[in-house]
Amino acid sequence: LGAGVLMLSPGLVRLGDLTLWRDSPAVQAEP
């Protein structure tokens, strides 16, 4: 499970970007 968290770490970084949530919320919803 820790390896899975490492694989999702790039998506976790993008979750804090509010501009991406306004531009493409569907893309942000996947991670």
PDB file of all heavy atoms in Angstrom:
ATOM      1  N   LEU A   1       0.819  -1.205   0.000  1.00  0.00           N
ATOM      2  CA  LEU A   1       0.000   0.000   0.000  1.00  0.00           C
ATOM      3  C   LEU A   1       0.859   1.264   0.000  1.00  0.00           C
ATOM      4  O   LEU A   1       0.484   2.281  -0.595  1.00  0.00           O
ATOM      5  CB  LEU A   1      -0.922  -0.008   1.219  1.00  0.00           C
ATOM      6  CG  LEU A   1      -1.968  -1.140   1.228  1.00  0.00           C
ATOM      7  CD1 LEU A   1      -2.729  -1.140   2.534  1.00  0.00           C
ATOM      8  CD2 LEU A   1      -2.929  -0.985   0.050  1.00  0.00           C
ATOM      9  N   GLY A   2       2.022   1.184   0.646  1.00  0.00           N
ATOM     10  CA  GLY A   2       2.921   2.333   0.599  1.00  0.00           C
ATOM     11  C   GLY A   2       3.447   2.591  -0.801  1.00  0.00           C
ATOM     12  O   GLY A   2       3.625   3.758  -1.210  1.00  0.00           O
ATOM     13  N   ALA A   3       3.703   1.525  -1.556  1.00  0.00           N
ATOM     14  CA  ALA A   3       4.128   1.707  -2.953  1.00  0.00           C
ATOM     15  C   ALA A   3       3.025   2.361  -3.767  1.00  0.00           C
ATOM     16  O   ALA A   3       3.292   3.195  -4.665  1.00  0.00           O
ATOM     17  CB  ALA A   3       4.510   0.356  -3.554  1.00  0.00           C
ATOM     18  N   GLY A   4       1.768   2.011  -3.477  1.00  0.00           N
ATOM     19  CA  GLY A   4       0.653   2.667  -4.164  1.00  0.00           C
ATOM     20  C   GLY A   4       0.592   4.152  -3.855  1.00  0.00           C
ATOM     21  O   GLY A   4       0.288   4.972  -4.739  1.00  0.00           O
ATOM     22  N   VAL A   5       0.869   4.509  -2.614  1.00  0.00           N
ATOM     23  CA  VAL A   5       0.885   5.928  -2.255  1.00  0.00           C
ATOM     24  C   VAL A   5       1.990   6.664  -3.006  1.00  0.00           C
ATOM     25  O   VAL A   5       1.802   7.797  -3.472  1.00  0.00           O
ATOM     26  CB  VAL A   5       1.049   6.073  -0.728  1.00  0.00           C
ATOM     27  CG1 VAL A   5       1.257   7.537  -0.343  1.00  0.00           C
ATOM     28  CG2 VAL A   5      -0.164   5.505  -0.002  1.00  0.00           C
ATOM     29  N   LEU A   6       3.151   6.013  -3.151  1.00  0.00           N
ATOM     30  CA  LEU A   6       4.240   6.648  -3.896  1.00  0.00           C
ATOM     31  C   LEU A   6       3.879   6.837  -5.367  1.00  0.00           C
ATOM     32  O   LEU A   6       4.251   7.841  -5.992  1.00  0.00           O
ATOM     33  CB  LEU A   6       5.511   5.816  -3.764  1.00  0.00           C
ATOM     34  CG  LEU A   6       6.154   5.792  -2.364  1.00  0.00           C
ATOM     35  CD1 LEU A   6       7.363   4.866  -2.356  1.00  0.00           C
ATOM     36  CD2 LEU A   6       6.548   7.201  -1.942  1.00  0.00           C
ATOM     37  N   MET A   7       3.162   5.887  -5.926  1.00  0.00           N
ATOM     38  CA  MET A   7       2.752   6.015  -7.317  1.00  0.00           C
ATOM     39  C   MET A   7       1.752   7.149  -7.513  1.00  0.00           C
ATOM     40  O   MET A   7       1.711   7.787  -8.570  1.00  0.00           O
ATOM     41  CB  MET A   7       2.142   4.698  -7.800  1.00  0.00           C
ATOM     42  CG  MET A   7       3.138   3.557  -7.897  1.00  0.00           C
ATOM     43  SD  MET A   7       2.364   1.984  -8.344  1.00  0.00           S
ATOM     44  CE  MET A   7       1.695   2.410  -9.965  1.00  0.00           C
ATOM     45  N   LEU A   8       0.953   7.399  -6.495  1.00  0.00           N
ATOM     46  CA  LEU A   8      -0.039   8.474  -6.594  1.00  0.00           C
ATOM     47  C   LEU A   8       0.488   9.815  -6.092  1.00  0.00           C
ATOM     48  O   LEU A   8      -0.277  10.794  -6.055  1.00  0.00           O
ATOM     49  CB  LEU A   8      -1.292   8.103  -5.801  1.00  0.00           C
ATOM     50  CG  LEU A   8      -2.101   6.904  -6.310  1.00  0.00           C
ATOM     51  CD1 LEU A   8      -3.239   6.613  -5.362  1.00  0.00           C
ATOM     52  CD2 LEU A   8      -2.627   7.171  -7.721  1.00  0.00           C
ATOM     53  N   SER A   9       1.732   9.875  -5.691  1.00  0.00           N
ATOM     54  CA  SER A   9       2.263  11.129  -5.149  1.00  0.00           C
ATOM     55  C   SER A   9       2.228  12.298  -6.129  1.00  0.00           C
ATOM     56  O   SER A   9       1.938  13.430  -5.712  1.00  0.00           O
ATOM     57  CB  SER A   9       3.690  10.908  -4.640  1.00  0.00           C
ATOM     58  OG  SER A   9       4.523  10.403  -5.671  1.00  0.00           O
ATOM     59  N   PRO A  10       2.486  12.110  -7.433  1.00  0.00           N
ATOM     60  CA  PRO A  10       2.349  13.268  -8.328  1.00  0.00           C
ATOM     61  C   PRO A  10       0.926  13.816  -8.377  1.00  0.00           C
ATOM     62  O   PRO A  10       0.720  15.042  -8.429  1.00  0.00           O
ATOM     63  CB  PRO A  10       2.764  12.709  -9.693  1.00  0.00           C
ATOM     64  CG  PRO A  10       3.654  11.558  -9.374  1.00  0.00           C
ATOM     65  CD  PRO A  10       3.057  10.963  -8.160  1.00  0.00           C
ATOM     66  N   GLY A  11      -0.058  12.936  -8.380  1.00  0.00           N
ATOM     67  CA  GLY A  11      -1.437  13.413  -8.363  1.00  0.00           C
ATOM     68  C   GLY A  11      -1.789  14.101  -7.057  1.00  0.00           C
ATOM     69  O   GLY A  11      -2.604  15.031  -7.042  1.00  0.00           O
ATOM     70  N   LEU A  12      -1.184  13.654  -5.958  1.00  0.00           N
ATOM     71  CA  LEU A  12      -1.437  14.299  -4.678  1.00  0.00           C
ATOM     72  C   LEU A  12      -0.909  15.723  -4.645  1.00  0.00           C
ATOM     73  O   LEU A  12      -1.506  16.609  -4.012  1.00  0.00           O
ATOM     74  CB  LEU A  12      -0.790  13.483  -3.549  1.00  0.00           C
ATOM     75  CG  LEU A  12      -1.374  12.088  -3.293  1.00  0.00           C
ATOM     76  CD1 LEU A  12      -0.577  11.362  -2.205  1.00  0.00           C
ATOM     77  CD2 LEU A  12      -2.840  12.168  -2.903  1.00  0.00           C
ATOM     78  N   VAL A  13       0.190  15.960  -5.349  1.00  0.00           N
ATOM     79  CA  VAL A  13       0.743  17.322  -5.392  1.00  0.00           C
ATOM     80  C   VAL A  13      -0.185  18.249  -6.160  1.00  0.00           C
ATOM     81  O   VAL A  13      -0.413  19.406  -5.779  1.00  0.00           O
ATOM     82  CB  VAL A  13       2.147  17.308  -6.013  1.00  0.00           C
ATOM     83  CG1 VAL A  13       2.673  18.729  -6.187  1.00  0.00           C
ATOM     84  CG2 VAL A  13       3.098  16.496  -5.144  1.00  0.00           C
ATOM     85  N   ARG A  14      -0.805  17.743  -7.229  1.00  0.00           N
ATOM     86  CA  ARG A  14      -1.688  18.582  -8.044  1.00  0.00           C
ATOM     87  C   ARG A  14      -3.049  18.831  -7.402  1.00  0.00           C
ATOM     88  O   ARG A  14      -3.783  19.707  -7.834  1.00  0.00           O
ATOM     89  CB  ARG A  14      -1.912  17.925  -9.409  1.00  0.00           C
ATOM     90  CG  ARG A  14      -0.677  17.892 -10.302  1.00  0.00           C
ATOM     91  CD  ARG A  14      -1.065  17.626 -11.738  1.00  0.00           C
ATOM     92  NE  ARG A  14      -1.784  16.365 -11.877  1.00  0.00           N
ATOM     93  CZ  ARG A  14      -1.193  15.193 -12.145  1.00  0.00           C
ATOM     94  NH1 ARG A  14       0.136  15.137 -12.268  1.00  0.00           N
ATOM     95  NH2 ARG A  14      -1.904  14.090 -12.269  1.00  0.00           N
ATOM     96  N   LEU A  15      -3.361  18.082  -6.369  1.00  0.00           N
ATOM     97  CA  LEU A  15      -4.666  18.293  -5.731  1.00  0.00           C
ATOM     98  C   LEU A  15      -4.752  19.642  -5.022  1.00  0.00           C
ATOM     99  O   LEU A  15      -5.850  20.173  -4.826  1.00  0.00           O
ATOM    100  CB  LEU A  15      -4.941  17.169  -4.717  1.00  0.00           C
ATOM    101  CG  LEU A  15      -5.250  15.783  -5.306  1.00  0.00           C
ATOM    102  CD1 LEU A  15      -5.439  14.774  -4.192  1.00  0.00           C
ATOM    103  CD2 LEU A  15      -6.493  15.838  -6.196  1.00  0.00           C
ATOM    104  N   GLY A  16      -3.630  20.214  -4.643  1.00  0.00           N
ATOM    105  CA  GLY A  16      -3.659  21.508  -3.975  1.00  0.00           C
ATOM    106  C   GLY A  16      -3.717  22.698  -4.895  1.00  0.00           C
ATOM    107  O   GLY A  16      -3.816  23.845  -4.418  1.00  0.00           O
ATOM    108  N   ASP A  17      -3.682  22.467  -6.192  1.00  0.00           N
ATOM    109  CA  ASP A  17      -3.720  23.574  -7.167  1.00  0.00           C
ATOM    110  C   ASP A  17      -5.177  23.925  -7.462  1.00  0.00           C
ATOM    111  O   ASP A  17      -5.923  23.159  -8.086  1.00  0.00           O
ATOM    112  CB  ASP A  17      -2.997  23.160  -8.447  1.00  0.00           C
ATOM    113  CG  ASP A  17      -2.701  24.362  -9.342  1.00  0.00           C
ATOM    114  OD1 ASP A  17      -3.200  25.464  -9.030  1.00  0.00           O
ATOM    115  OD2 ASP A  17      -1.985  24.178 -10.333  1.00  0.00           O
ATOM    116  N   LEU A  18      -5.600  25.128  -7.032  1.00  0.00           N
ATOM    117  CA  LEU A  18      -6.992  25.532  -7.212  1.00  0.00           C
ATOM    118  C   LEU A  18      -7.304  25.900  -8.663  1.00  0.00           C
ATOM    119  O   LEU A  18      -8.449  25.757  -9.113  1.00  0.00           O
ATOM    120  CB  LEU A  18      -7.308  26.711  -6.297  1.00  0.00           C
ATOM    121  CG  LEU A  18      -7.177  26.440  -4.787  1.00  0.00           C
ATOM    122  CD1 LEU A  18      -7.482  27.700  -3.992  1.00  0.00           C
ATOM    123  CD2 LEU A  18      -8.117  25.316  -4.380  1.00  0.00           C
ATOM    124  N   THR A  19      -6.303  26.373  -9.395  1.00  0.00           N
ATOM    125  CA  THR A  19      -6.547  26.728 -10.794  1.00  0.00           C
ATOM    126  C   THR A  19      -6.899  25.498 -11.625  1.00  0.00           C
ATOM    127  O   THR A  19      -7.754  25.571 -12.522  1.00  0.00           O
ATOM    128  CB  THR A  19      -5.307  27.411 -11.372  1.00  0.00           C
ATOM    129  OG1 THR A  19      -4.179  26.536 -11.259  1.00  0.00           O
ATOM    130  CG2 THR A  19      -5.012  28.709 -10.626  1.00  0.00           C
ATOM    131  N   LEU A  20      -6.250  24.377 -11.341  1.00  0.00           N
ATOM    132  CA  LEU A  20      -6.586  23.145 -12.048  1.00  0.00           C
ATOM    133  C   LEU A  20      -7.994  22.667 -11.709  1.00  0.00           C
ATOM    134  O   LEU A  20      -8.689  22.095 -12.551  1.00  0.00           O
ATOM    135  CB  LEU A  20      -5.564  22.047 -11.722  1.00  0.00           C
ATOM    136  CG  LEU A  20      -4.140  22.290 -12.234  1.00  0.00           C
ATOM    137  CD1 LEU A  20      -3.204  21.170 -11.788  1.00  0.00           C
ATOM    138  CD2 LEU A  20      -4.147  22.377 -13.777  1.00  0.00           C
ATOM    139  N   TRP A  21      -8.427  22.929 -10.478  1.00  0.00           N
ATOM    140  CA  TRP A  21      -9.790  22.573 -10.123  1.00  0.00           C
ATOM    141  C   TRP A  21     -10.803  23.423 -10.890  1.00  0.00           C
ATOM    142  O   TRP A  21     -11.869  22.932 -11.279  1.00  0.00           O
ATOM    143  CB  TRP A  21     -10.011  22.748  -8.611  1.00  0.00           C
ATOM    144  CG  TRP A  21      -9.477  21.610  -7.783  1.00  0.00           C
ATOM    145  CD1 TRP A  21      -8.340  21.598  -7.068  1.00  0.00           C
ATOM    146  CD2 TRP A  21     -10.092  20.333  -7.609  1.00  0.00           C
ATOM    147  NE1 TRP A  21      -8.172  20.388  -6.433  1.00  0.00           N
ATOM    148  CE2 TRP A  21      -9.247  19.586  -6.757  1.00  0.00           C
ATOM    149  CE3 TRP A  21     -11.259  19.750  -8.099  1.00  0.00           C
ATOM    150  CZ2 TRP A  21      -9.536  18.284  -6.362  1.00  0.00           C
ATOM    151  CZ3 TRP A  21     -11.555  18.456  -7.710  1.00  0.00           C
ATOM    152  CH2 TRP A  21     -10.714  17.722  -6.854  1.00  0.00           C
ATOM    153  N   ARG A  22     -10.471  24.709 -11.142  1.00  0.00           N
ATOM    154  CA  ARG A  22     -11.399  25.548 -11.905  1.00  0.00           C
ATOM    155  C   ARG A  22     -11.365  25.225 -13.393  1.00  0.00           C
ATOM    156  O   ARG A  22     -12.390  25.240 -14.075  1.00  0.00           O
ATOM    157  CB  ARG A  22     -11.030  27.027 -11.693  1.00  0.00           C
ATOM    158  CG  ARG A  22     -11.366  27.559 -10.302  1.00  0.00           C
ATOM    159  CD  ARG A  22     -11.319  29.076 -10.282  1.00  0.00           C
ATOM    160  NE  ARG A  22      -9.963  29.542 -10.626  1.00  0.00           N
ATOM    161  CZ  ARG A  22      -9.026  29.828  -9.721  1.00  0.00           C
ATOM    162  NH1 ARG A  22      -9.279  29.659  -8.424  1.00  0.00           N
ATOM    163  NH2 ARG A  22      -7.838  30.258 -10.106  1.00  0.00           N
ATOM    164  N   ASP A  23     -10.176  24.890 -13.926  1.00  0.00           N
ATOM    165  CA  ASP A  23     -10.071  24.650 -15.365  1.00  0.00           C
ATOM    166  C   ASP A  23     -10.564  23.254 -15.754  1.00  0.00           C
ATOM    167  O   ASP A  23     -11.347  23.103 -16.693  1.00  0.00           O
ATOM    168  CB  ASP A  23      -8.616  24.837 -15.821  1.00  0.00           C
ATOM    169  CG  ASP A  23      -8.144  26.277 -15.631  1.00  0.00           C
ATOM    170  OD1 ASP A  23      -9.019  27.164 -15.528  1.00  0.00           O
ATOM    171  OD2 ASP A  23      -6.917  26.486 -15.526  1.00  0.00           O
ATOM    172  N   SER A  24     -10.079  22.230 -15.044  1.00  0.00           N
ATOM    173  CA  SER A  24     -10.446  20.838 -15.384  1.00  0.00           C
ATOM    174  C   SER A  24     -10.730  20.061 -14.108  1.00  0.00           C
ATOM    175  O   SER A  24      -9.864  19.356 -13.591  1.00  0.00           O
ATOM    176  CB  SER A  24      -9.322  20.165 -16.169  1.00  0.00           C
ATOM    177  OG  SER A  24      -8.104  20.238 -15.436  1.00  0.00           O
ATOM    178  N   PRO A  25     -11.928  20.188 -13.581  1.00  0.00           N
ATOM    179  CA  PRO A  25     -12.244  19.462 -12.334  1.00  0.00           C
ATOM    180  C   PRO A  25     -12.309  17.948 -12.538  1.00  0.00           C
ATOM    181  O   PRO A  25     -12.033  17.197 -11.614  1.00  0.00           O
ATOM    182  CB  PRO A  25     -13.604  20.026 -11.930  1.00  0.00           C
ATOM    183  CG  PRO A  25     -14.177  20.589 -13.174  1.00  0.00           C
ATOM    184  CD  PRO A  25     -13.023  21.047 -14.013  1.00  0.00           C
ATOM    185  N   ALA A  26     -12.663  17.511 -13.756  1.00  0.00           N
ATOM    186  CA  ALA A  26     -12.740  16.062 -13.980  1.00  0.00           C
ATOM    187  C   ALA A  26     -11.365  15.413 -13.886  1.00  0.00           C
ATOM    188  O   ALA A  26     -11.207  14.292 -13.375  1.00  0.00           O
ATOM    189  CB  ALA A  26     -13.357  15.779 -15.338  1.00  0.00           C
ATOM    190  N   VAL A  27     -10.357  16.125 -14.390  1.00  0.00           N
ATOM    191  CA  VAL A  27      -8.995  15.585 -14.324  1.00  0.00           C
ATOM    192  C   VAL A  27      -8.514  15.531 -12.877  1.00  0.00           C
ATOM    193  O   VAL A  27      -7.836  14.577 -12.458  1.00  0.00           O
ATOM    194  CB  VAL A  27      -8.051  16.438 -15.195  1.00  0.00           C
ATOM    195  CG1 VAL A  27      -6.617  15.973 -15.076  1.00  0.00           C
ATOM    196  CG2 VAL A  27      -8.507  16.419 -16.648  1.00  0.00           C
ATOM    197  N   GLN A  28      -8.872  16.525 -12.088  1.00  0.00           N
ATOM    198  CA  GLN A  28      -8.461  16.537 -10.684  1.00  0.00           C
ATOM    199  C   GLN A  28      -9.223  15.511  -9.848  1.00  0.00           C
ATOM    200  O   GLN A  28      -8.727  15.076  -8.814  1.00  0.00           O
ATOM    201  CB  GLN A  28      -8.681  17.933 -10.093  1.00  0.00           C
ATOM    202  CG  GLN A  28      -7.725  18.998 -10.627  1.00  0.00           C
ATOM    203  CD  GLN A  28      -6.304  18.738 -10.174  1.00  0.00           C
ATOM    204  OE1 GLN A  28      -5.518  18.130 -10.910  1.00  0.00           O
ATOM    205  NE2 GLN A  28      -5.961  19.198  -8.991  1.00  0.00           N
ATOM    206  N   ALA A  29     -10.403  15.159 -10.319  1.00  0.00           N
ATOM    207  CA  ALA A  29     -11.204  14.190  -9.543  1.00  0.00           C
ATOM    208  C   ALA A  29     -10.621  12.777  -9.624  1.00  0.00           C
ATOM    209  O   ALA A  29     -10.842  11.975  -8.712  1.00  0.00           O
ATOM    210  CB  ALA A  29     -12.645  14.196 -10.028  1.00  0.00           C
ATOM    211  N   GLU A  30      -9.908  12.477 -10.711  1.00  0.00           N
ATOM    212  CA  GLU A  30      -9.347  11.130 -10.846  1.00  0.00           C
ATOM    213  C   GLU A  30      -8.312  10.802  -9.764  1.00  0.00           C
ATOM    214  O   GLU A  30      -8.418   9.768  -9.094  1.00  0.00           O
ATOM    215  CB  GLU A  30      -8.749  10.964 -12.238  1.00  0.00           C
ATOM    216  CG  GLU A  30      -9.798  10.976 -13.350  1.00  0.00           C
ATOM    217  CD  GLU A  30      -9.174  10.821 -14.721  1.00  0.00           C
ATOM    218  OE1 GLU A  30      -7.911  10.707 -14.780  1.00  0.00           O
ATOM    219  OE2 GLU A  30      -9.913  10.820 -15.717  1.00  0.00           O
ATOM    220  N   PRO A  31      -7.295  11.643  -9.551  1.00  0.00           N
ATOM    221  CA  PRO A  31      -6.354  11.311  -8.460  1.00  0.00           C
ATOM    222  C   PRO A  31      -7.001  11.352  -7.090  1.00  0.00           C
ATOM    223  O   PRO A  31      -6.618  10.596  -6.193  1.00  0.00           O
ATOM    224  CB  PRO A  31      -5.251  12.370  -8.600  1.00  0.00           C
ATOM    225  CG  PRO A  31      -5.854  13.472  -9.365  1.00  0.00           C
ATOM    226  CD  PRO A  31      -6.841  12.845 -10.291  1.00  0.00           C
TER     227      PRO A  31
END
